[in-house]
Structure formats: C-alpha cells, structure tokens
Amino acid sequence: GQMMRTVEALALSLMALAGSPSVPAYYLSPHPRPACEAADLEDIVGYTAIGSSNVVGEFEGADFNKPVGLDNGMIFEFQEYNYTYSYRPAVIIFAKSATFAGKSVFLYKLLIDDQLYDVRRVR
C-alpha cells in the first residue's frame, strides 16, 4: 500500500544520496511520478476494470479480427491496427454494458502495456 511505496521511495532516495547509479531519475525529483494523466483515461470513462491477466506468449500488436489469448482463458479479437512487440505483456480488461438493437451487449477494451485497444470478446 501507500506505506510500502513510501518506504521504497525513502530507500531509493537514500541510495541516490549515496550515489548509487541504479536509482531511476524520477526518484530524484521533488514531485511524485504520475501513474498516468487524466487525459489518458478519457477513452475508458463508463468502463469497469473487470480483470487482469497476461497475453499468452509473444504479443505483436493488433490487427483487425486478429485474436489475442490471455492466460486467464479469455480470447478477444482486435477491432483496430497497431504494431508493437512484447513478451507476455500485462493486460487490464475493461467492459461496459450497452444496448444495441434492443439487445444488451458488452463492449470491451484491453489495456496492454500502455496501449488501449478496442476488442470483441470471442471467449
């Protein structure tokens, strides 16, 4: 929690004062490092974070209708294109209920690393 982050920041500050080269530069700043900016979250207003997982194996970005499997067994298809590469990146799954043609449906977004994707759930 907050106490652990405070202890970690204090320890890193002490290491910085001792001249340790392994201290990230943002710990030397008098201001805390932001996790994200408010503007970064505009696209998920109304969505709920319903889970976290990891991509199974290599992740080579998104392409239309390209499937992506998660360690938790969920499978999604991308509704957009974006190339990137990482191995087993972290994923946060967002969902929002909506009504379409009189039917209740769920809309999904995946936050993979630092990129938000529009997806369709397959499983």
N, C-alpha and C. Protein backbone atom coordinates (compact mmCIF):
# COMPACT_ATOMS: atom_id res chain seq x y z
N GLY A 1 0.82 -1.19 0.00
CA GLY A 1 0.00 0.00 0.00
C GLY A 1 0.85 1.24 0.00
N GLN A 2 0.25 2.32 0.46
CA GLN A 2 0.92 3.63 0.50
C GLN A 2 2.17 3.57 1.36
N MET A 3 2.10 2.88 2.50
CA MET A 3 3.26 2.79 3.39
C MET A 3 4.44 2.13 2.68
N MET A 4 4.16 1.06 1.93
CA MET A 4 5.23 0.34 1.22
C MET A 4 5.86 1.25 0.17
N ARG A 5 5.04 2.01 -0.57
CA ARG A 5 5.57 2.93 -1.58
C ARG A 5 6.43 4.00 -0.93
N THR A 6 6.01 4.48 0.25
CA THR A 6 6.77 5.50 0.97
C THR A 6 8.12 4.94 1.41
N VAL A 7 8.12 3.71 1.93
CA VAL A 7 9.36 3.06 2.35
C VAL A 7 10.28 2.85 1.16
N GLU A 8 9.71 2.38 0.04
CA GLU A 8 10.51 2.16 -1.16
C GLU A 8 11.12 3.47 -1.66
N ALA A 9 10.31 4.53 -1.68
CA ALA A 9 10.81 5.84 -2.14
C ALA A 9 11.92 6.34 -1.22
N LEU A 10 11.76 6.16 0.09
CA LEU A 10 12.77 6.58 1.05
C LEU A 10 14.08 5.81 0.83
N ALA A 11 13.95 4.50 0.64
CA ALA A 11 15.14 3.66 0.41
C ALA A 11 15.86 4.10 -0.86
N LEU A 12 15.11 4.36 -1.92
CA LEU A 12 15.72 4.79 -3.18
C LEU A 12 16.36 6.17 -3.04
N SER A 13 15.72 7.05 -2.25
CA SER A 13 16.29 8.38 -2.02
C SER A 13 17.62 8.27 -1.29
N LEU A 14 17.67 7.39 -0.30
CA LEU A 14 18.92 7.18 0.44
C LEU A 14 20.00 6.62 -0.48
N MET A 15 19.61 5.70 -1.37
CA MET A 15 20.57 5.15 -2.33
C MET A 15 21.07 6.25 -3.26
N ALA A 16 20.17 7.15 -3.64
CA ALA A 16 20.54 8.25 -4.53
C ALA A 16 21.54 9.17 -3.84
N LEU A 17 21.29 9.46 -2.55
CA LEU A 17 22.21 10.31 -1.80
C LEU A 17 23.58 9.65 -1.68
N ALA A 18 23.59 8.31 -1.63
CA ALA A 18 24.85 7.58 -1.53
C ALA A 18 25.54 7.45 -2.89
N GLY A 19 24.89 7.96 -3.93
CA GLY A 19 25.50 7.95 -5.26
C GLY A 19 25.31 6.65 -6.03
N SER A 20 24.29 5.86 -5.67
CA SER A 20 24.04 4.61 -6.39
C SER A 20 23.60 4.90 -7.82
N PRO A 21 24.23 4.26 -8.82
CA PRO A 21 23.86 4.51 -10.22
C PRO A 21 22.56 3.82 -10.64
N SER A 22 21.99 2.97 -9.79
CA SER A 22 20.80 2.20 -10.20
C SER A 22 19.49 2.86 -9.79
N VAL A 23 19.53 4.11 -9.37
CA VAL A 23 18.31 4.79 -8.95
C VAL A 23 17.68 5.49 -10.15
N PRO A 24 16.39 5.21 -10.44
CA PRO A 24 15.73 5.90 -11.55
C PRO A 24 15.70 7.41 -11.30
N ALA A 25 15.87 8.19 -12.35
CA ALA A 25 15.94 9.65 -12.24
C ALA A 25 14.69 10.25 -11.60
N TYR A 26 13.50 9.64 -11.85
CA TYR A 26 12.29 10.25 -11.31
C TYR A 26 12.23 10.23 -9.79
N TYR A 27 13.03 9.38 -9.14
CA TYR A 27 13.06 9.39 -7.67
C TYR A 27 13.86 10.58 -7.15
N LEU A 28 14.63 11.22 -8.01
CA LEU A 28 15.41 12.37 -7.60
C LEU A 28 14.59 13.64 -7.67
N SER A 29 13.41 13.58 -8.30
CA SER A 29 12.53 14.73 -8.45
C SER A 29 11.77 14.97 -7.14
N PRO A 30 11.52 16.25 -6.81
CA PRO A 30 10.73 16.53 -5.60
C PRO A 30 9.25 16.19 -5.77
N HIS A 31 8.83 15.92 -6.99
CA HIS A 31 7.42 15.61 -7.25
C HIS A 31 7.26 14.12 -7.56
N PRO A 32 6.18 13.49 -7.08
CA PRO A 32 5.99 12.07 -7.38
C PRO A 32 5.75 11.85 -8.87
N ARG A 33 6.15 10.70 -9.36
CA ARG A 33 5.97 10.35 -10.77
C ARG A 33 4.50 10.01 -11.00
N PRO A 34 3.85 10.65 -11.98
CA PRO A 34 2.44 10.33 -12.23
C PRO A 34 2.29 8.93 -12.82
N ALA A 35 1.25 8.20 -12.38
CA ALA A 35 0.97 6.88 -12.94
C ALA A 35 0.43 7.05 -14.36
N CYS A 36 -0.43 8.04 -14.54
CA CYS A 36 -0.96 8.36 -15.87
C CYS A 36 -1.62 9.73 -15.77
N GLU A 37 -1.89 10.30 -16.91
CA GLU A 37 -2.54 11.60 -16.97
C GLU A 37 -4.05 11.41 -17.10
N ALA A 38 -4.84 12.36 -16.61
CA ALA A 38 -6.30 12.28 -16.70
C ALA A 38 -6.75 12.15 -18.16
N ALA A 39 -6.08 12.87 -19.06
CA ALA A 39 -6.45 12.82 -20.48
C ALA A 39 -6.28 11.42 -21.06
N ASP A 40 -5.36 10.62 -20.47
CA ASP A 40 -5.14 9.26 -20.94
C ASP A 40 -6.32 8.35 -20.65
N LEU A 41 -7.17 8.76 -19.71
CA LEU A 41 -8.28 7.90 -19.27
C LEU A 41 -9.62 8.25 -19.91
N GLU A 42 -9.65 9.26 -20.77
CA GLU A 42 -10.91 9.69 -21.40
C GLU A 42 -11.64 8.54 -22.09
N ASP A 43 -10.89 7.68 -22.77
CA ASP A 43 -11.50 6.60 -23.56
C ASP A 43 -12.09 5.48 -22.73
N ILE A 44 -11.84 5.45 -21.42
CA ILE A 44 -12.42 4.37 -20.60
C ILE A 44 -13.47 4.86 -19.61
N VAL A 45 -13.90 6.12 -19.75
CA VAL A 45 -14.98 6.62 -18.91
C VAL A 45 -16.22 5.76 -19.15
N GLY A 46 -16.83 5.27 -18.08
CA GLY A 46 -18.01 4.41 -18.20
C GLY A 46 -17.67 2.93 -18.21
N TYR A 47 -16.41 2.60 -18.41
CA TYR A 47 -15.98 1.20 -18.40
C TYR A 47 -15.57 0.79 -17.00
N THR A 48 -15.62 -0.50 -16.72
CA THR A 48 -15.20 -1.05 -15.44
C THR A 48 -14.04 -2.01 -15.69
N ALA A 49 -13.00 -1.92 -14.87
CA ALA A 49 -11.90 -2.88 -14.96
C ALA A 49 -12.41 -4.19 -14.37
N ILE A 50 -12.55 -5.22 -15.20
CA ILE A 50 -13.15 -6.48 -14.74
C ILE A 50 -12.13 -7.58 -14.52
N GLY A 51 -10.86 -7.33 -14.86
CA GLY A 51 -9.86 -8.36 -14.63
C GLY A 51 -8.49 -7.94 -15.12
N SER A 52 -7.51 -8.74 -14.73
CA SER A 52 -6.14 -8.54 -15.21
C SER A 52 -5.56 -9.90 -15.55
N SER A 53 -4.65 -9.91 -16.51
CA SER A 53 -4.04 -11.15 -16.96
C SER A 53 -2.77 -10.79 -17.71
N ASN A 54 -2.28 -11.73 -18.51
CA ASN A 54 -1.15 -11.50 -19.40
C ASN A 54 -1.48 -12.11 -20.74
N VAL A 55 -0.91 -11.53 -21.80
CA VAL A 55 -1.04 -12.12 -23.13
C VAL A 55 -0.27 -13.43 -23.11
N VAL A 56 -0.82 -14.46 -23.76
CA VAL A 56 -0.11 -15.74 -23.87
C VAL A 56 1.01 -15.57 -24.88
N GLY A 57 2.25 -15.74 -24.44
CA GLY A 57 3.41 -15.70 -25.35
C GLY A 57 3.72 -14.33 -25.90
N GLU A 58 4.16 -14.31 -27.16
CA GLU A 58 4.57 -13.07 -27.81
C GLU A 58 3.37 -12.24 -28.22
N PHE A 59 3.49 -10.93 -28.06
CA PHE A 59 2.43 -10.01 -28.49
C PHE A 59 3.02 -9.12 -29.58
N GLU A 60 2.46 -9.21 -30.78
CA GLU A 60 2.97 -8.45 -31.91
C GLU A 60 1.98 -7.39 -32.37
N GLY A 61 1.22 -6.86 -31.41
CA GLY A 61 0.30 -5.78 -31.74
C GLY A 61 -1.03 -6.26 -32.24
N ALA A 62 -1.81 -5.28 -32.70
CA ALA A 62 -3.19 -5.53 -33.10
C ALA A 62 -3.36 -5.45 -34.60
N ASP A 63 -4.28 -6.26 -35.11
CA ASP A 63 -4.73 -6.15 -36.49
C ASP A 63 -6.21 -6.52 -36.49
N PHE A 64 -6.97 -5.99 -37.44
CA PHE A 64 -8.41 -6.23 -37.48
C PHE A 64 -8.72 -7.72 -37.46
N ASN A 65 -9.57 -8.14 -36.51
CA ASN A 65 -10.02 -9.53 -36.34
C ASN A 65 -8.92 -10.49 -35.91
N LYS A 66 -7.73 -9.99 -35.57
CA LYS A 66 -6.65 -10.85 -35.08
C LYS A 66 -6.96 -11.24 -33.64
N PRO A 67 -6.93 -12.54 -33.32
CA PRO A 67 -7.22 -12.96 -31.95
C PRO A 67 -6.03 -12.77 -31.01
N VAL A 68 -6.34 -12.55 -29.75
CA VAL A 68 -5.31 -12.49 -28.72
C VAL A 68 -5.82 -13.30 -27.52
N GLY A 69 -5.02 -14.28 -27.09
CA GLY A 69 -5.39 -15.12 -25.96
C GLY A 69 -4.73 -14.62 -24.69
N LEU A 70 -5.46 -14.72 -23.59
CA LEU A 70 -4.94 -14.31 -22.29
C LEU A 70 -4.74 -15.53 -21.40
N ASP A 71 -3.84 -15.41 -20.44
CA ASP A 71 -3.57 -16.51 -19.50
C ASP A 71 -4.82 -16.97 -18.75
N ASN A 72 -5.79 -16.08 -18.55
CA ASN A 72 -7.00 -16.44 -17.81
C ASN A 72 -8.03 -17.19 -18.67
N GLY A 73 -7.68 -17.49 -19.94
CA GLY A 73 -8.58 -18.23 -20.82
C GLY A 73 -9.44 -17.37 -21.72
N MET A 74 -9.51 -16.06 -21.45
CA MET A 74 -10.30 -15.18 -22.32
C MET A 74 -9.60 -15.00 -23.66
N ILE A 75 -10.41 -14.86 -24.71
CA ILE A 75 -9.88 -14.60 -26.05
C ILE A 75 -10.65 -13.41 -26.62
N PHE A 76 -9.93 -12.48 -27.22
CA PHE A 76 -10.53 -11.30 -27.83
C PHE A 76 -10.01 -11.16 -29.25
N GLU A 77 -10.76 -10.40 -30.07
CA GLU A 77 -10.30 -10.05 -31.42
C GLU A 77 -10.18 -8.55 -31.49
N PHE A 78 -9.10 -8.08 -32.09
CA PHE A 78 -8.88 -6.65 -32.21
C PHE A 78 -9.80 -6.04 -33.27
N GLN A 79 -10.18 -4.78 -33.03
CA GLN A 79 -11.01 -4.03 -33.97
C GLN A 79 -10.22 -2.85 -34.54
N GLU A 80 -8.90 -2.95 -34.50
CA GLU A 80 -8.03 -1.88 -34.99
C GLU A 80 -6.64 -2.43 -35.28
N TYR A 81 -5.78 -1.54 -35.82
CA TYR A 81 -4.41 -1.94 -36.15
C TYR A 81 -3.42 -1.10 -35.35
N ASN A 82 -2.40 -1.75 -34.82
CA ASN A 82 -1.28 -1.06 -34.16
C ASN A 82 -0.17 -2.08 -33.96
N TYR A 83 1.00 -1.82 -34.53
CA TYR A 83 2.11 -2.76 -34.35
C TYR A 83 2.95 -2.40 -33.13
N THR A 84 3.28 -3.41 -32.36
CA THR A 84 4.19 -3.29 -31.23
C THR A 84 4.69 -4.69 -30.94
N TYR A 85 5.69 -4.82 -30.09
CA TYR A 85 6.16 -6.14 -29.73
C TYR A 85 6.53 -6.19 -28.26
N SER A 86 6.06 -7.24 -27.58
CA SER A 86 6.50 -7.52 -26.22
C SER A 86 6.17 -8.98 -25.90
N TYR A 87 6.81 -9.50 -24.88
CA TYR A 87 6.60 -10.89 -24.49
C TYR A 87 5.78 -10.93 -23.21
N ARG A 88 4.63 -11.61 -23.29
CA ARG A 88 3.70 -11.79 -22.16
C ARG A 88 3.37 -10.49 -21.43
N PRO A 89 2.98 -9.43 -22.18
CA PRO A 89 2.69 -8.16 -21.51
C PRO A 89 1.46 -8.26 -20.60
N ALA A 90 1.44 -7.40 -19.60
CA ALA A 90 0.31 -7.31 -18.67
C ALA A 90 -0.90 -6.73 -19.41
N VAL A 91 -2.09 -7.19 -19.00
CA VAL A 91 -3.34 -6.75 -19.62
C VAL A 91 -4.36 -6.42 -18.53
N ILE A 92 -5.07 -5.29 -18.70
CA ILE A 92 -6.23 -4.98 -17.87
C ILE A 92 -7.42 -5.03 -18.82
N ILE A 93 -8.48 -5.75 -18.41
CA ILE A 93 -9.67 -5.93 -19.23
C ILE A 93 -10.76 -4.98 -18.73
N PHE A 94 -11.29 -4.16 -19.64
CA PHE A 94 -12.37 -3.22 -19.31
C PHE A 94 -13.63 -3.63 -20.05
N ALA A 95 -14.79 -3.47 -19.39
CA ALA A 95 -16.07 -3.80 -20.03
C ALA A 95 -17.10 -2.74 -19.68
N LYS A 96 -18.08 -2.60 -20.56
CA LYS A 96 -19.19 -1.66 -20.36
C LYS A 96 -20.42 -2.27 -21.01
N SER A 97 -21.54 -2.26 -20.30
CA SER A 97 -22.76 -2.79 -20.91
C SER A 97 -23.44 -1.68 -21.72
N ALA A 98 -24.06 -2.09 -22.81
CA ALA A 98 -24.75 -1.15 -23.69
C ALA A 98 -25.94 -1.87 -24.30
N THR A 99 -26.84 -1.11 -24.89
CA THR A 99 -27.99 -1.69 -25.59
C THR A 99 -27.83 -1.41 -27.07
N PHE A 100 -27.90 -2.46 -27.86
CA PHE A 100 -27.74 -2.34 -29.31
C PHE A 100 -28.88 -3.10 -29.97
N ALA A 101 -29.67 -2.43 -30.78
CA ALA A 101 -30.83 -3.03 -31.46
C ALA A 101 -31.73 -3.78 -30.47
N GLY A 102 -31.95 -3.17 -29.32
CA GLY A 102 -32.83 -3.76 -28.32
C GLY A 102 -32.21 -4.87 -27.49
N LYS A 103 -30.95 -5.22 -27.76
CA LYS A 103 -30.29 -6.28 -27.01
C LYS A 103 -29.21 -5.69 -26.10
N SER A 104 -29.02 -6.33 -24.95
CA SER A 104 -27.97 -5.92 -24.04
C SER A 104 -26.67 -6.58 -24.49
N VAL A 105 -25.63 -5.78 -24.68
CA VAL A 105 -24.33 -6.29 -25.12
C VAL A 105 -23.23 -5.70 -24.23
N PHE A 106 -22.06 -6.30 -24.28
CA PHE A 106 -20.91 -5.76 -23.57
C PHE A 106 -19.89 -5.27 -24.57
N LEU A 107 -19.34 -4.11 -24.30
CA LEU A 107 -18.26 -3.55 -25.10
C LEU A 107 -16.99 -3.73 -24.29
N TYR A 108 -15.89 -4.07 -24.96
CA TYR A 108 -14.63 -4.35 -24.27
C TYR A 108 -13.49 -3.50 -24.80
N LYS A 109 -12.56 -3.22 -23.91
CA LYS A 109 -11.29 -2.59 -24.26
C LYS A 109 -10.21 -3.33 -23.47
N LEU A 110 -9.04 -3.48 -24.07
CA LEU A 110 -7.90 -4.07 -23.37
C LEU A 110 -6.81 -3.02 -23.27
N LEU A 111 -6.26 -2.88 -22.06
CA LEU A 111 -5.07 -2.06 -21.87
C LEU A 111 -3.91 -3.04 -21.83
N ILE A 112 -3.09 -3.02 -22.89
CA ILE A 112 -1.94 -3.92 -22.99
C ILE A 112 -0.71 -3.04 -22.96
N ASP A 113 0.14 -3.28 -21.96
CA ASP A 113 1.26 -2.38 -21.68
C ASP A 113 0.67 -0.98 -21.50
N ASP A 114 1.02 -0.02 -22.36
CA ASP A 114 0.48 1.34 -22.18
C ASP A 114 -0.45 1.73 -23.32
N GLN A 115 -1.00 0.73 -24.03
CA GLN A 115 -1.83 1.00 -25.21
C GLN A 115 -3.25 0.45 -24.98
N LEU A 116 -4.27 1.26 -25.29
CA LEU A 116 -5.66 0.86 -25.14
C LEU A 116 -6.21 0.40 -26.50
N TYR A 117 -6.85 -0.78 -26.53
CA TYR A 117 -7.36 -1.36 -27.78
C TYR A 117 -8.84 -1.62 -27.69
N ASP A 118 -9.57 -1.37 -28.80
CA ASP A 118 -10.96 -1.78 -28.93
C ASP A 118 -10.95 -3.23 -29.38
N VAL A 119 -11.71 -4.08 -28.66
CA VAL A 119 -11.74 -5.50 -28.95
C VAL A 119 -13.16 -6.05 -28.89
N ARG A 120 -13.33 -7.25 -29.45
CA ARG A 120 -14.57 -8.02 -29.36
C ARG A 120 -14.23 -9.30 -28.65
N ARG A 121 -15.05 -9.67 -27.66
CA ARG A 121 -14.77 -10.90 -26.91
C ARG A 121 -15.22 -12.12 -27.72
N VAL A 122 -14.33 -13.09 -27.84
CA VAL A 122 -14.62 -14.35 -28.52
C VAL A 122 -14.95 -15.42 -27.49
N ARG A 123 -14.20 -15.44 -26.39
CA ARG A 123 -14.43 -16.42 -25.32
C ARG A 123 -14.01 -15.81 -23.99
